[in-house]
PDB file of N, CA and C in Angstrom:
ATOM      1  N   UNK A   1      -3.422   6.749 -15.765  1.00  0.00           N
ATOM      2  CA  UNK A   1      -2.682   5.830 -14.916  1.00  0.00           C
ATOM      3  C   UNK A   1      -1.625   5.151 -15.780  1.00  0.00           C
ATOM      4  N   UNK A   2      -0.400   5.239 -15.313  1.00  0.00           N
ATOM      5  CA  UNK A   2       0.704   4.618 -16.038  1.00  0.00           C
ATOM      6  C   UNK A   2       1.363   3.591 -15.132  1.00  0.00           C
ATOM      7  N   UNK A   3       1.292   2.330 -15.560  1.00  0.00           N
ATOM      8  CA  UNK A   3       1.837   1.225 -14.777  1.00  0.00           C
ATOM      9  C   UNK A   3       2.797   0.445 -15.657  1.00  0.00           C
ATOM     10  N   UNK A   4       3.936   0.106 -15.090  1.00  0.00           N
ATOM     11  CA  UNK A   4       4.907  -0.746 -15.789  1.00  0.00           C
ATOM     12  C   UNK A   4       5.260  -1.902 -14.881  1.00  0.00           C
ATOM     13  N   UNK A   5       5.118  -3.094 -15.416  1.00  0.00           N
ATOM     14  CA  UNK A   5       5.469  -4.295 -14.678  1.00  0.00           C
ATOM     15  C   UNK A   5       6.732  -4.866 -15.301  1.00  0.00           C
ATOM     16  N   UNK A   6       7.735  -5.088 -14.468  1.00  0.00           N
ATOM     17  CA  UNK A   6       8.999  -5.671 -14.919  1.00  0.00           C
ATOM     18  C   UNK A   6       8.988  -7.149 -14.566  1.00  0.00           C
ATOM     19  N   UNK A   7       8.777  -8.026 -15.567  1.00  0.00           N
ATOM     20  CA  UNK A   7       8.695  -9.458 -15.272  1.00  0.00           C
ATOM     21  C   UNK A   7      10.007 -10.040 -14.734  1.00  0.00           C
ATOM     22  N   UNK A   8      11.119  -9.356 -14.964  1.00  0.00           N
ATOM     23  CA  UNK A   8      12.403  -9.846 -14.487  1.00  0.00           C
ATOM     24  C   UNK A   8      12.790  -9.331 -13.112  1.00  0.00           C
ATOM     25  N   UNK A   9      11.950  -8.486 -12.531  1.00  0.00           N
ATOM     26  CA  UNK A   9      12.265  -7.897 -11.226  1.00  0.00           C
ATOM     27  C   UNK A   9      12.124  -8.926 -10.114  1.00  0.00           C
ATOM     28  N   UNK A  10      12.854  -8.700  -9.039  1.00  0.00           N
ATOM     29  CA  UNK A  10      12.772  -9.583  -7.862  1.00  0.00           C
ATOM     30  C   UNK A  10      11.435  -9.408  -7.144  1.00  0.00           C
ATOM     31  N   UNK A  11      10.800  -8.266  -7.324  1.00  0.00           N
ATOM     32  CA  UNK A  11       9.516  -7.985  -6.684  1.00  0.00           C
ATOM     33  C   UNK A  11       8.393  -8.617  -7.492  1.00  0.00           C
ATOM     34  N   UNK A  12       7.466  -9.262  -6.796  1.00  0.00           N
ATOM     35  CA  UNK A  12       6.338  -9.926  -7.460  1.00  0.00           C
ATOM     36  C   UNK A  12       5.499  -8.909  -8.236  1.00  0.00           C
ATOM     37  N   UNK A  13       4.916  -9.325  -9.362  1.00  0.00           N
ATOM     38  CA  UNK A  13       4.105  -8.397 -10.161  1.00  0.00           C
ATOM     39  C   UNK A  13       2.970  -7.736  -9.384  1.00  0.00           C
ATOM     40  N   UNK A  14       2.282  -8.490  -8.518  1.00  0.00           N
ATOM     41  CA  UNK A  14       1.186  -7.863  -7.768  1.00  0.00           C
ATOM     42  C   UNK A  14       1.718  -6.756  -6.864  1.00  0.00           C
ATOM     43  N   UNK A  15       2.906  -6.941  -6.293  1.00  0.00           N
ATOM     44  CA  UNK A  15       3.502  -5.931  -5.418  1.00  0.00           C
ATOM     45  C   UNK A  15       3.966  -4.723  -6.224  1.00  0.00           C
ATOM     46  N   UNK A  16       4.491  -4.956  -7.424  1.00  0.00           N
ATOM     47  CA  UNK A  16       4.853  -3.834  -8.295  1.00  0.00           C
ATOM     48  C   UNK A  16       3.614  -3.002  -8.602  1.00  0.00           C
ATOM     49  N   UNK A  17       2.525  -3.681  -8.941  1.00  0.00           N
ATOM     50  CA  UNK A  17       1.270  -3.001  -9.262  1.00  0.00           C
ATOM     51  C   UNK A  17       0.743  -2.250  -8.042  1.00  0.00           C
ATOM     52  N   UNK A  18       0.716  -2.912  -6.894  1.00  0.00           N
ATOM     53  CA  UNK A  18       0.238  -2.284  -5.661  1.00  0.00           C
ATOM     54  C   UNK A  18       1.047  -1.034  -5.342  1.00  0.00           C
ATOM     55  N   UNK A  19       2.358  -1.148  -5.407  1.00  0.00           N
ATOM     56  CA  UNK A  19       3.234  -0.024  -5.058  1.00  0.00           C
ATOM     57  C   UNK A  19       3.060   1.151  -6.016  1.00  0.00           C
ATOM     58  N   UNK A  20       2.915   0.866  -7.298  1.00  0.00           N
ATOM     59  CA  UNK A  20       2.774   1.950  -8.277  1.00  0.00           C
ATOM     60  C   UNK A  20       1.438   2.676  -8.130  1.00  0.00           C
ATOM     61  N   UNK A  21       0.368   1.931  -7.900  1.00  0.00           N
ATOM     62  CA  UNK A  21      -0.933   2.579  -7.708  1.00  0.00           C
ATOM     63  C   UNK A  21      -0.919   3.388  -6.420  1.00  0.00           C
ATOM     64  N   UNK A  22      -0.359   2.828  -5.350  1.00  0.00           N
ATOM     65  CA  UNK A  22      -0.287   3.549  -4.077  1.00  0.00           C
ATOM     66  C   UNK A  22       0.516   4.836  -4.225  1.00  0.00           C
ATOM     67  N   UNK A  23       1.642   4.769  -4.918  1.00  0.00           N
ATOM     68  CA  UNK A  23       2.484   5.954  -5.109  1.00  0.00           C
ATOM     69  C   UNK A  23       1.751   7.012  -5.926  1.00  0.00           C
ATOM     70  N   UNK A  24       1.043   6.586  -6.968  1.00  0.00           N
ATOM     71  CA  UNK A  24       0.319   7.540  -7.809  1.00  0.00           C
ATOM     72  C   UNK A  24      -0.862   8.161  -7.060  1.00  0.00           C
ATOM     73  N   UNK A  25      -1.470   7.391  -6.161  1.00  0.00           N
ATOM     74  CA  UNK A  25      -2.551   7.947  -5.338  1.00  0.00           C
ATOM     75  C   UNK A  25      -1.984   8.936  -4.333  1.00  0.00           C
ATOM     76  N   UNK A  26      -0.839   8.608  -3.770  1.00  0.00           N
ATOM     77  CA  UNK A  26      -0.234   9.471  -2.751  1.00  0.00           C
ATOM     78  C   UNK A  26       0.237  10.797  -3.340  1.00  0.00           C
ATOM     79  N   UNK A  27       0.813  10.763  -4.537  1.00  0.00           N
ATOM     80  CA  UNK A  27       1.339  12.015  -5.096  1.00  0.00           C
ATOM     81  C   UNK A  27       0.321  12.774  -5.948  1.00  0.00           C
ATOM     82  N   UNK A  28      -0.904  12.269  -6.034  1.00  0.00           N
ATOM     83  CA  UNK A  28      -1.961  12.994  -6.715  1.00  0.00           C
ATOM     84  C   UNK A  28      -2.135  12.693  -8.190  1.00  0.00           C
ATOM     85  N   UNK A  29      -1.257  11.851  -8.764  1.00  0.00           N
ATOM     86  CA  UNK A  29      -1.449  11.501 -10.176  1.00  0.00           C
ATOM     87  C   UNK A  29      -2.746  10.728 -10.361  1.00  0.00           C
ATOM     88  N   UNK A  30      -3.162   9.995  -9.326  1.00  0.00           N
ATOM     89  CA  UNK A  30      -4.476   9.358  -9.310  1.00  0.00           C
ATOM     90  C   UNK A  30      -5.275  10.060  -8.210  1.00  0.00           C
ATOM     91  N   UNK A  31      -6.140  10.993  -8.580  1.00  0.00           N
ATOM     92  CA  UNK A  31      -6.855  11.775  -7.568  1.00  0.00           C
ATOM     93  C   UNK A  31      -7.941  10.961  -6.863  1.00  0.00           C
ATOM     94  N   UNK A  32      -8.325  11.441  -5.700  1.00  0.00           N
ATOM     95  CA  UNK A  32      -9.412  10.820  -4.950  1.00  0.00           C
ATOM     96  C   UNK A  32     -10.640  10.754  -5.854  1.00  0.00           C
ATOM     97  N   UNK A  33     -11.271   9.590  -5.875  1.00  0.00           N
ATOM     98  CA  UNK A  33     -12.462   9.390  -6.694  1.00  0.00           C
ATOM     99  C   UNK A  33     -12.186   8.843  -8.078  1.00  0.00           C
ATOM    100  N   UNK A  34     -10.908   8.778  -8.476  1.00  0.00           N
ATOM    101  CA  UNK A  34     -10.562   8.232  -9.794  1.00  0.00           C
ATOM    102  C   UNK A  34     -10.951   6.761  -9.840  1.00  0.00           C
ATOM    103  N   UNK A  35     -11.658   6.390 -10.889  1.00  0.00           N
ATOM    104  CA  UNK A  35     -12.076   4.992 -11.045  1.00  0.00           C
ATOM    105  C   UNK A  35     -10.961   4.198 -11.710  1.00  0.00           C
ATOM    106  N   UNK A  36     -10.552   3.115 -11.075  1.00  0.00           N
ATOM    107  CA  UNK A  36      -9.526   2.245 -11.629  1.00  0.00           C
ATOM    108  C   UNK A  36     -10.148   1.306 -12.655  1.00  0.00           C
ATOM    109  N   UNK A  37      -9.342   0.792 -13.561  1.00  0.00           N
ATOM    110  CA  UNK A  37      -9.868  -0.191 -14.514  1.00  0.00           C
ATOM    111  C   UNK A  37     -10.370  -1.433 -13.774  1.00  0.00           C
ATOM    112  N   UNK A  38     -11.219  -2.176 -14.442  1.00  0.00           N
ATOM    113  CA  UNK A  38     -11.660  -3.442 -13.854  1.00  0.00           C
ATOM    114  C   UNK A  38     -10.463  -4.369 -13.715  1.00  0.00           C
ATOM    115  N   UNK A  39     -10.609  -5.355 -12.862  1.00  0.00           N
ATOM    116  CA  UNK A  39      -9.537  -6.334 -12.665  1.00  0.00           C
ATOM    117  C   UNK A  39      -9.175  -6.976 -13.997  1.00  0.00           C
ATOM    118  N   UNK A  40     -10.161  -7.435 -14.704  1.00  0.00           N
ATOM    119  CA  UNK A  40      -9.895  -8.103 -15.988  1.00  0.00           C
ATOM    120  C   UNK A  40      -9.328  -7.148 -17.023  1.00  0.00           C
ATOM    121  N   UNK A  41      -9.846  -5.925 -17.047  1.00  0.00           N
ATOM    122  CA  UNK A  41      -9.353  -4.945 -18.005  1.00  0.00           C
ATOM    123  C   UNK A  41      -7.895  -4.608 -17.776  1.00  0.00           C
ATOM    124  N   UNK A  42      -7.528  -4.390 -16.525  1.00  0.00           N
ATOM    125  CA  UNK A  42      -6.136  -4.057 -16.218  1.00  0.00           C
ATOM    126  C   UNK A  42      -5.234  -5.272 -16.429  1.00  0.00           C
ATOM    127  N   UNK A  43      -5.738  -6.454 -16.091  1.00  0.00           N
ATOM    128  CA  UNK A  43      -4.955  -7.671 -16.318  1.00  0.00           C
ATOM    129  C   UNK A  43      -4.650  -7.834 -17.800  1.00  0.00           C
ATOM    130  N   UNK A  44      -5.638  -7.629 -18.636  1.00  0.00           N
ATOM    131  CA  UNK A  44      -5.431  -7.731 -20.085  1.00  0.00           C
ATOM    132  C   UNK A  44      -4.443  -6.673 -20.571  1.00  0.00           C
ATOM    133  N   UNK A  45      -4.603  -5.455 -20.081  1.00  0.00           N
ATOM    134  CA  UNK A  45      -3.742  -4.352 -20.500  1.00  0.00           C
ATOM    135  C   UNK A  45      -2.273  -4.598 -20.125  1.00  0.00           C
ATOM    136  N   UNK A  46      -2.050  -5.180 -18.956  1.00  0.00           N
ATOM    137  CA  UNK A  46      -0.688  -5.380 -18.465  1.00  0.00           C
ATOM    138  C   UNK A  46      -0.122  -6.764 -18.771  1.00  0.00           C
ATOM    139  N   UNK A  47      -0.963  -7.641 -19.301  1.00  0.00           N
ATOM    140  CA  UNK A  47      -0.511  -8.999 -19.581  1.00  0.00           C
ATOM    141  C   UNK A  47      -0.317  -9.824 -18.318  1.00  0.00           C
ATOM    142  N   UNK A  48      -1.158  -9.571 -17.331  1.00  0.00           N
ATOM    143  CA  UNK A  48      -1.091 -10.292 -16.065  1.00  0.00           C
ATOM    144  C   UNK A  48      -2.320 -11.168 -15.899  1.00  0.00           C
ATOM    145  N   UNK A  49      -2.235 -12.101 -14.976  1.00  0.00           N
ATOM    146  CA  UNK A  49      -3.400 -12.906 -14.621  1.00  0.00           C
ATOM    147  C   UNK A  49      -4.366 -12.037 -13.819  1.00  0.00           C
ATOM    148  N   UNK A  50      -5.651 -12.278 -13.990  1.00  0.00           N
ATOM    149  CA  UNK A  50      -6.662 -11.513 -13.254  1.00  0.00           C
ATOM    150  C   UNK A  50      -6.456 -11.666 -11.748  1.00  0.00           C
ATOM    151  N   UNK A  51      -6.055 -12.836 -11.290  1.00  0.00           N
ATOM    152  CA  UNK A  51      -5.815 -13.050  -9.858  1.00  0.00           C
ATOM    153  C   UNK A  51      -4.693 -12.156  -9.328  1.00  0.00           C
ATOM    154  N   UNK A  52      -3.707 -11.864 -10.168  1.00  0.00           N
ATOM    155  CA  UNK A  52      -2.599 -10.994  -9.768  1.00  0.00           C
ATOM    156  C   UNK A  52      -3.108  -9.579  -9.520  1.00  0.00           C
ATOM    157  N   UNK A  53      -3.911  -9.074 -10.425  1.00  0.00           N
ATOM    158  CA  UNK A  53      -4.482  -7.731 -10.275  1.00  0.00           C
ATOM    159  C   UNK A  53      -5.446  -7.714  -9.086  1.00  0.00           C
ATOM    160  N   UNK A  54      -6.258  -8.744  -8.939  1.00  0.00           N
ATOM    161  CA  UNK A  54      -7.197  -8.804  -7.820  1.00  0.00           C
ATOM    162  C   UNK A  54      -6.452  -8.792  -6.484  1.00  0.00           C
ATOM    163  N   UNK A  55      -5.326  -9.485  -6.418  1.00  0.00           N
ATOM    164  CA  UNK A  55      -4.528  -9.517  -5.187  1.00  0.00           C
ATOM    165  C   UNK A  55      -3.993  -8.117  -4.867  1.00  0.00           C
ATOM    166  N   UNK A  56      -3.533  -7.405  -5.881  1.00  0.00           N
ATOM    167  CA  UNK A  56      -3.046  -6.029  -5.682  1.00  0.00           C
ATOM    168  C   UNK A  56      -4.189  -5.126  -5.223  1.00  0.00           C
ATOM    169  N   UNK A  57      -5.352  -5.226  -5.833  1.00  0.00           N
ATOM    170  CA  UNK A  57      -6.499  -4.413  -5.453  1.00  0.00           C
ATOM    171  C   UNK A  57      -6.913  -4.716  -4.010  1.00  0.00           C
ATOM    172  N   UNK A  58      -6.897  -5.991  -3.621  1.00  0.00           N
ATOM    173  CA  UNK A  58      -7.254  -6.357  -2.236  1.00  0.00           C
ATOM    174  C   UNK A  58      -6.271  -5.730  -1.251  1.00  0.00           C
ATOM    175  N   UNK A  59      -4.979  -5.777  -1.581  1.00  0.00           N
ATOM    176  CA  UNK A  59      -3.964  -5.184  -0.702  1.00  0.00           C
ATOM    177  C   UNK A  59      -4.163  -3.674  -0.609  1.00  0.00           C
ATOM    178  N   UNK A  60      -4.449  -3.027  -1.738  1.00  0.00           N
ATOM    179  CA  UNK A  60      -4.692  -1.586  -1.741  1.00  0.00           C
ATOM    180  C   UNK A  60      -5.936  -1.232  -0.924  1.00  0.00           C
ATOM    181  N   UNK A  61      -6.944  -2.068  -1.007  1.00  0.00           N
ATOM    182  CA  UNK A  61      -8.168  -1.824  -0.235  1.00  0.00           C
ATOM    183  C   UNK A  61      -7.879  -1.998   1.257  1.00  0.00           C
ATOM    184  N   UNK A  62      -7.114  -3.010   1.594  1.00  0.00           N
ATOM    185  CA  UNK A  62      -6.733  -3.243   2.985  1.00  0.00           C
ATOM    186  C   UNK A  62      -5.931  -2.069   3.540  1.00  0.00           C
ATOM    187  N   UNK A  63      -5.115  -1.450   2.691  1.00  0.00           N
ATOM    188  CA  UNK A  63      -4.298  -0.303   3.097  1.00  0.00           C
ATOM    189  C   UNK A  63      -5.079   1.005   3.098  1.00  0.00           C
ATOM    190  N   UNK A  64      -6.326   0.979   2.621  1.00  0.00           N
ATOM    191  CA  UNK A  64      -7.128   2.189   2.579  1.00  0.00           C
ATOM    192  C   UNK A  64      -6.851   3.094   1.396  1.00  0.00           C
ATOM    193  N   UNK A  65      -6.107   2.588   0.409  1.00  0.00           N
ATOM    194  CA  UNK A  65      -5.774   3.394  -0.768  1.00  0.00           C
ATOM    195  C   UNK A  65      -6.935   3.424  -1.749  1.00  0.00           C
ATOM    196  N   UNK A  66      -7.623   2.299  -1.883  1.00  0.00           N
ATOM    197  CA  UNK A  66      -8.772   2.225  -2.779  1.00  0.00           C
ATOM    198  C   UNK A  66      -9.988   1.732  -2.004  1.00  0.00           C
ATOM    199  N   UNK A  67     -11.142   1.963  -2.598  1.00  0.00           N
ATOM    200  CA  UNK A  67     -12.379   1.416  -2.045  1.00  0.00           C
ATOM    201  C   UNK A  67     -13.176   0.815  -3.188  1.00  0.00           C
ATOM    202  N   UNK A  68     -13.754  -0.334  -2.920  1.00  0.00           N
ATOM    203  CA  UNK A  68     -14.569  -0.999  -3.925  1.00  0.00           C
ATOM    204  C   UNK A  68     -16.022  -0.700  -3.621  1.00  0.00           C
ATOM    205  N   UNK A  69     -16.724  -0.262  -4.638  1.00  0.00           N
ATOM    206  CA  UNK A  69     -18.138   0.097  -4.496  1.00  0.00           C
ATOM    207  C   UNK A  69     -19.004  -0.886  -5.258  1.00  0.00           C
ATOM    208  N   UNK A  70     -18.862  -2.140  -4.918  1.00  0.00           N
ATOM    209  CA  UNK A  70     -19.657  -3.186  -5.555  1.00  0.00           C
ATOM    210  C   UNK A  70     -19.497  -3.187  -7.057  1.00  0.00           C
ATOM    211  N   UNK A  71     -20.602  -3.217  -7.758  1.00  0.00           N
ATOM    212  CA  UNK A  71     -20.577  -3.269  -9.223  1.00  0.00           C
ATOM    213  C   UNK A  71     -20.172  -1.945  -9.869  1.00  0.00           C
ATOM    214  N   UNK A  72     -20.082  -0.904  -9.060  1.00  0.00           N
ATOM    215  CA  UNK A  72     -19.715   0.403  -9.603  1.00  0.00           C
ATOM    216  C   UNK A  72     -18.223   0.511  -9.879  1.00  0.00           C
ATOM    217  N   UNK A  73     -17.413  -0.334  -9.234  1.00  0.00           N
ATOM    218  CA  UNK A  73     -15.991  -0.345  -9.515  1.00  0.00           C
ATOM    219  C   UNK A  73     -15.121  -0.066  -8.307  1.00  0.00           C
ATOM    220  N   UNK A  74     -13.854   0.133  -8.595  1.00  0.00           N
ATOM    221  CA  UNK A  74     -12.846   0.400  -7.578  1.00  0.00           C
ATOM    222  C   UNK A  74     -12.318   1.807  -7.798  1.00  0.00           C
ATOM    223  N   UNK A  75     -12.267   2.579  -6.713  1.00  0.00           N
ATOM    224  CA  UNK A  75     -11.933   3.998  -6.787  1.00  0.00           C
ATOM    225  C   UNK A  75     -10.812   4.343  -5.813  1.00  0.00           C
ATOM    226  N   UNK A  76     -10.050   5.373  -6.143  1.00  0.00           N
ATOM    227  CA  UNK A  76      -9.044   5.878  -5.223  1.00  0.00           C
ATOM    228  C   UNK A  76      -9.782   6.512  -4.044  1.00  0.00           C
ATOM    229  N   UNK A  77      -9.409   6.099  -2.843  1.00  0.00           N
ATOM    230  CA  UNK A  77     -10.059   6.577  -1.626  1.00  0.00           C
ATOM    231  C   UNK A  77      -9.344   7.807  -1.083  1.00  0.00           C
ATOM    232  N   UNK A  78     -10.007   8.502  -0.201  1.00  0.00           N
ATOM    233  CA  UNK A  78      -9.386   9.606   0.530  1.00  0.00           C
ATOM    234  C   UNK A  78      -8.559   8.981   1.646  1.00  0.00           C
ATOM    235  N   UNK A  79      -7.391   8.466   1.279  1.00  0.00           N
ATOM    236  CA  UNK A  79      -6.622   7.615   2.181  1.00  0.00           C
ATOM    237  C   UNK A  79      -5.759   8.365   3.171  1.00  0.00           C
ATOM    238  N   UNK A  80      -5.532   9.648   2.961  1.00  0.00           N
ATOM    239  CA  UNK A  80      -4.621  10.361   3.839  1.00  0.00           C
ATOM    240  C   UNK A  80      -4.982  10.232   5.304  1.00  0.00           C
ATOM    241  N   UNK A  81      -6.227  10.540   5.647  1.00  0.00           N
ATOM    242  CA  UNK A  81      -6.641  10.479   7.038  1.00  0.00           C
ATOM    243  C   UNK A  81      -6.639   9.052   7.553  1.00  0.00           C
ATOM    244  N   UNK A  82      -7.119   8.110   6.752  1.00  0.00           N
ATOM    245  CA  UNK A  82      -7.149   6.711   7.177  1.00  0.00           C
ATOM    246  C   UNK A  82      -5.742   6.186   7.401  1.00  0.00           C
ATOM    247  N   UNK A  83      -4.832   6.529   6.512  1.00  0.00           N
ATOM    248  CA  UNK A  83      -3.450   6.070   6.654  1.00  0.00           C
ATOM    249  C   UNK A  83      -2.816   6.666   7.900  1.00  0.00           C
ATOM    250  N   UNK A  84      -3.040   7.942   8.136  1.00  0.00           N
ATOM    251  CA  UNK A  84      -2.472   8.586   9.323  1.00  0.00           C
ATOM    252  C   UNK A  84      -3.017   7.963  10.601  1.00  0.00           C
ATOM    253  N   UNK A  85      -4.321   7.673  10.621  1.00  0.00           N
ATOM    254  CA  UNK A  85      -4.914   7.034  11.805  1.00  0.00           C
ATOM    255  C   UNK A  85      -4.335   5.644  12.026  1.00  0.00           C
ATOM    256  N   UNK A  86      -4.182   4.889  10.937  1.00  0.00           N
ATOM    257  CA  UNK A  86      -3.658   3.528  11.067  1.00  0.00           C
ATOM    258  C   UNK A  86      -2.211   3.536  11.559  1.00  0.00           C
ATOM    259  N   UNK A  87      -1.405   4.441  11.031  1.00  0.00           N
ATOM    260  CA  UNK A  87      -0.003   4.535  11.466  1.00  0.00           C
ATOM    261  C   UNK A  87       0.063   4.959  12.929  1.00  0.00           C
ATOM    262  N   UNK A  88      -0.766   5.908  13.330  1.00  0.00           N
ATOM    263  CA  UNK A  88      -0.771   6.349  14.723  1.00  0.00           C
ATOM    264  C   UNK A  88      -1.163   5.206  15.659  1.00  0.00           C
ATOM    265  N   UNK A  89      -2.148   4.416  15.256  1.00  0.00           N
ATOM    266  CA  UNK A  89      -2.564   3.271  16.075  1.00  0.00           C
ATOM    267  C   UNK A  89      -1.452   2.236  16.169  1.00  0.00           C
ATOM    268  N   UNK A  90      -0.774   1.985  15.050  1.00  0.00           N
ATOM    269  CA  UNK A  90       0.335   1.022  15.053  1.00  0.00           C
ATOM    270  C   UNK A  90       1.472   1.516  15.935  1.00  0.00           C
ATOM    271  N   UNK A  91       1.761   2.812  15.871  1.00  0.00           N
ATOM    272  CA  UNK A  91       2.824   3.385  16.695  1.00  0.00           C
ATOM    273  C   UNK A  91       2.472   3.276  18.174  1.00  0.00           C
ATOM    274  N   UNK A  92       1.224   3.546  18.512  1.00  0.00           N
ATOM    275  CA  UNK A  92       0.777   3.444  19.897  1.00  0.00           C
ATOM    276  C   UNK A  92       0.902   2.008  20.398  1.00  0.00           C
ATOM    277  N   UNK A  93       0.461   1.063  19.587  1.00  0.00           N
ATOM    278  CA  UNK A  93       0.559  -0.353  19.971  1.00  0.00           C
ATOM    279  C   UNK A  93       2.020  -0.759  20.150  1.00  0.00           C
ATOM    280  N   UNK A  94       2.882  -0.310  19.249  1.00  0.00           N
ATOM    281  CA  UNK A  94       4.303  -0.624  19.360  1.00  0.00           C
ATOM    282  C   UNK A  94       4.888  -0.051  20.650  1.00  0.00           C
ATOM    283  N   UNK A  95       4.587   1.204  20.935  1.00  0.00           N
ATOM    284  CA  UNK A  95       5.141   1.848  22.126  1.00  0.00           C
ATOM    285  C   UNK A  95       4.708   1.119  23.401  1.00  0.00           C
ATOM    286  N   UNK A  96       3.453   0.735  23.457  1.00  0.00           N
ATOM    287  CA  UNK A  96       2.962   0.001  24.629  1.00  0.00           C
ATOM    288  C   UNK A  96       3.648  -1.355  24.758  1.00  0.00           C
ATOM    289  N   UNK A  97       3.791  -2.047  23.641  1.00  0.00           N
ATOM    290  CA  UNK A  97       4.448  -3.370  23.659  1.00  0.00           C
ATOM    291  C   UNK A  97       5.917  -3.246  24.054  1.00  0.00           C
ATOM    292  N   UNK A  98       6.626  -2.266  23.507  1.00  0.00           N
ATOM    293  CA  UNK A  98       8.038  -2.066  23.841  1.00  0.00           C
ATOM    294  C   UNK A  98       8.202  -1.786  25.331  1.00  0.00           C
ATOM    295  N   UNK A  99       7.310  -0.989  25.874  1.00  0.00           N
ATOM    296  CA  UNK A  99       7.387  -0.693  27.305  1.00  0.00           C
ATOM    297  C   UNK A  99       7.129  -1.939  28.144  1.00  0.00           C
ATOM    298  N   UNK A 100       6.112  -2.745  27.753  1.00  0.00           N
ATOM    299  CA  UNK A 100       5.829  -3.998  28.480  1.00  0.00           C
ATOM    300  C   UNK A 100       7.013  -4.950  28.438  1.00  0.00           C
ATOM    301  N   UNK A 101       7.748  -4.920  27.338  1.00  0.00           N
ATOM    302  CA  UNK A 101       8.912  -5.800  27.193  1.00  0.00           C
ATOM    303  C   UNK A 101      10.140  -5.270  27.931  1.00  0.00           C
ATOM    304  N   UNK A 102      10.021  -4.078  28.502  1.00  0.00           N
ATOM    305  CA  UNK A 102      11.102  -3.533  29.303  1.00  0.00           C
ATOM    306  C   UNK A 102      12.116  -2.702  28.548  1.00  0.00           C
ATOM    307  N   UNK A 103      11.840  -2.353  27.299  1.00  0.00           N
ATOM    308  CA  UNK A 103      12.766  -1.509  26.548  1.00  0.00           C
ATOM    309  C   UNK A 103      12.684  -0.080  27.064  1.00  0.00           C
ATOM    310  N   UNK A 104      13.843   0.583  27.147  1.00  0.00           N
ATOM    311  CA  UNK A 104      13.804   2.001  27.487  1.00  0.00           C
ATOM    312  C   UNK A 104      13.494   2.782  26.205  1.00  0.00           C
ATOM    313  N   UNK A 105      13.282   4.091  26.335  1.00  0.00           N
ATOM    314  CA  UNK A 105      12.903   4.914  25.185  1.00  0.00           C
ATOM    315  C   UNK A 105      13.926   4.855  24.061  1.00  0.00           C
ATOM    316  N   UNK A 106      15.193   4.910  24.423  1.00  0.00           N
ATOM    317  CA  UNK A 106      16.242   4.913  23.400  1.00  0.00           C
ATOM    318  C   UNK A 106      16.238   3.615  22.605  1.00  0.00           C
ATOM    319  N   UNK A 107      16.086   2.491  23.280  1.00  0.00           N
ATOM    320  CA  UNK A 107      16.075   1.193  22.591  1.00  0.00           C
ATOM    321  C   UNK A 107      14.835   1.052  21.706  1.00  0.00           C
ATOM    322  N   UNK A 108      13.693   1.499  22.202  1.00  0.00           N
ATOM    323  CA  UNK A 108      12.457   1.425  21.421  1.00  0.00           C
ATOM    324  C   UNK A 108      12.561   2.301  20.177  1.00  0.00           C
ATOM    325  N   UNK A 109      13.091   3.502  20.349  1.00  0.00           N
ATOM    326  CA  UNK A 109      13.253   4.410  19.217  1.00  0.00           C
ATOM    327  C   UNK A 109      14.276   3.870  18.211  1.00  0.00           C
ATOM    328  N   UNK A 110      15.350   3.298  18.704  1.00  0.00           N
ATOM    329  CA  UNK A 110      16.368   2.723  17.814  1.00  0.00           C
ATOM    330  C   UNK A 110      15.787   1.592  16.976  1.00  0.00           C
ATOM    331  N   UNK A 111      14.941   0.768  17.574  1.00  0.00           N
ATOM    332  CA  UNK A 111      14.314  -0.330  16.834  1.00  0.00           C
ATOM    333  C   UNK A 111      13.432   0.204  15.709  1.00  0.00           C
ATOM    334  N   UNK A 112      12.680   1.270  16.000  1.00  0.00           N
ATOM    335  CA  UNK A 112      11.826   1.881  14.973  1.00  0.00           C
ATOM    336  C   UNK A 112      12.678   2.479  13.864  1.00  0.00           C
ATOM    337  N   UNK A 113      13.722   3.177  14.229  1.00  0.00           N
ATOM    338  CA  UNK A 113      14.589   3.794  13.221  1.00  0.00           C
ATOM    339  C   UNK A 113      15.228   2.735  12.328  1.00  0.00           C
ATOM    340  N   UNK A 114      15.655   1.619  12.913  1.00  0.00           N
ATOM    341  CA  UNK A 114      16.222   0.530  12.110  1.00  0.00           C
ATOM    342  C   UNK A 114      15.189  -0.037  11.148  1.00  0.00           C
ATOM    343  N   UNK A 115      13.969  -0.242  11.641  1.00  0.00           N
ATOM    344  CA  UNK A 115      12.903  -0.793  10.794  1.00  0.00           C
ATOM    345  C   UNK A 115      12.556   0.163   9.655  1.00  0.00           C
ATOM    346  N   UNK A 116      12.482   1.456   9.946  1.00  0.00           N
ATOM    347  CA  UNK A 116      12.183   2.435   8.907  1.00  0.00           C
ATOM    348  C   UNK A 116      13.319   2.508   7.889  1.00  0.00           C
ATOM    349  N   UNK A 117      14.521   2.511   8.372  1.00  0.00           N
ATOM    350  CA  UNK A 117      15.683   2.544   7.468  1.00  0.00           C
ATOM    351  C   UNK A 117      15.637   1.348   6.511  1.00  0.00           C
ATOM    352  N   UNK A 118      15.347   0.175   7.041  1.00  0.00           N
ATOM    353  CA  UNK A 118      15.280  -1.037   6.206  1.00  0.00           C
ATOM    354  C   UNK A 118      14.118  -0.971   5.225  1.00  0.00           C
ATOM    355  N   UNK A 119      12.972  -0.502   5.685  1.00  0.00           N
ATOM    356  CA  UNK A 119      11.789  -0.451   4.814  1.00  0.00           C
ATOM    357  C   UNK A 119      11.959   0.548   3.673  1.00  0.00           C
ATOM    358  N   UNK A 120      12.586   1.682   3.945  1.00  0.00           N
ATOM    359  CA  UNK A 120      12.726   2.721   2.940  1.00  0.00           C
ATOM    360  C   UNK A 120      13.994   2.578   2.113  1.00  0.00           C
ATOM    361  N   UNK A 121      14.851   1.658   2.472  1.00  0.00           N
ATOM    362  CA  UNK A 121      16.094   1.446   1.695  1.00  0.00           C
ATOM    363  C   UNK A 121      15.775   0.898   0.320  1.00  0.00           C
ATOM    364  N   UNK A 122      14.625   0.280   0.158  1.00  0.00           N
ATOM    365  CA  UNK A 122      14.241  -0.309  -1.133  1.00  0.00           C
ATOM    366  C   UNK A 122      13.787   0.736  -2.137  1.00  0.00           C
ATOM    367  N   UNK A 123      13.489   1.959  -1.661  1.00  0.00           N
ATOM    368  CA  UNK A 123      12.965   3.017  -2.551  1.00  0.00           C
ATOM    369  C   UNK A 123      14.032   3.622  -3.409  1.00  0.00           C
TER     370      UNK A 123
END
């Protein structure tokens, strides 16, 4: 696992850490079942506060990227299916809400495209 935190970046350190671990899990550099360092161990290694690493791990767990197995540690989860299910549920909820609000298909789709464009412009 290779993580670099840029203290001068506009992005908070916990978000940098979260994004890098998520990207490495997604592209296979961190395979399913890989055990991550302890919160304190990674905090020491990166020169971060333990709370910063814990916040990143909590966000990753919430996103389904990692799973914590109690005292056994934190591991990369089989997140592909969970992520796909969560995105599908969010899309379904959005479509229903847009329809209730009276948006036609073109307007609803345009709103999604704008949101995706904005979200991925940071990459």
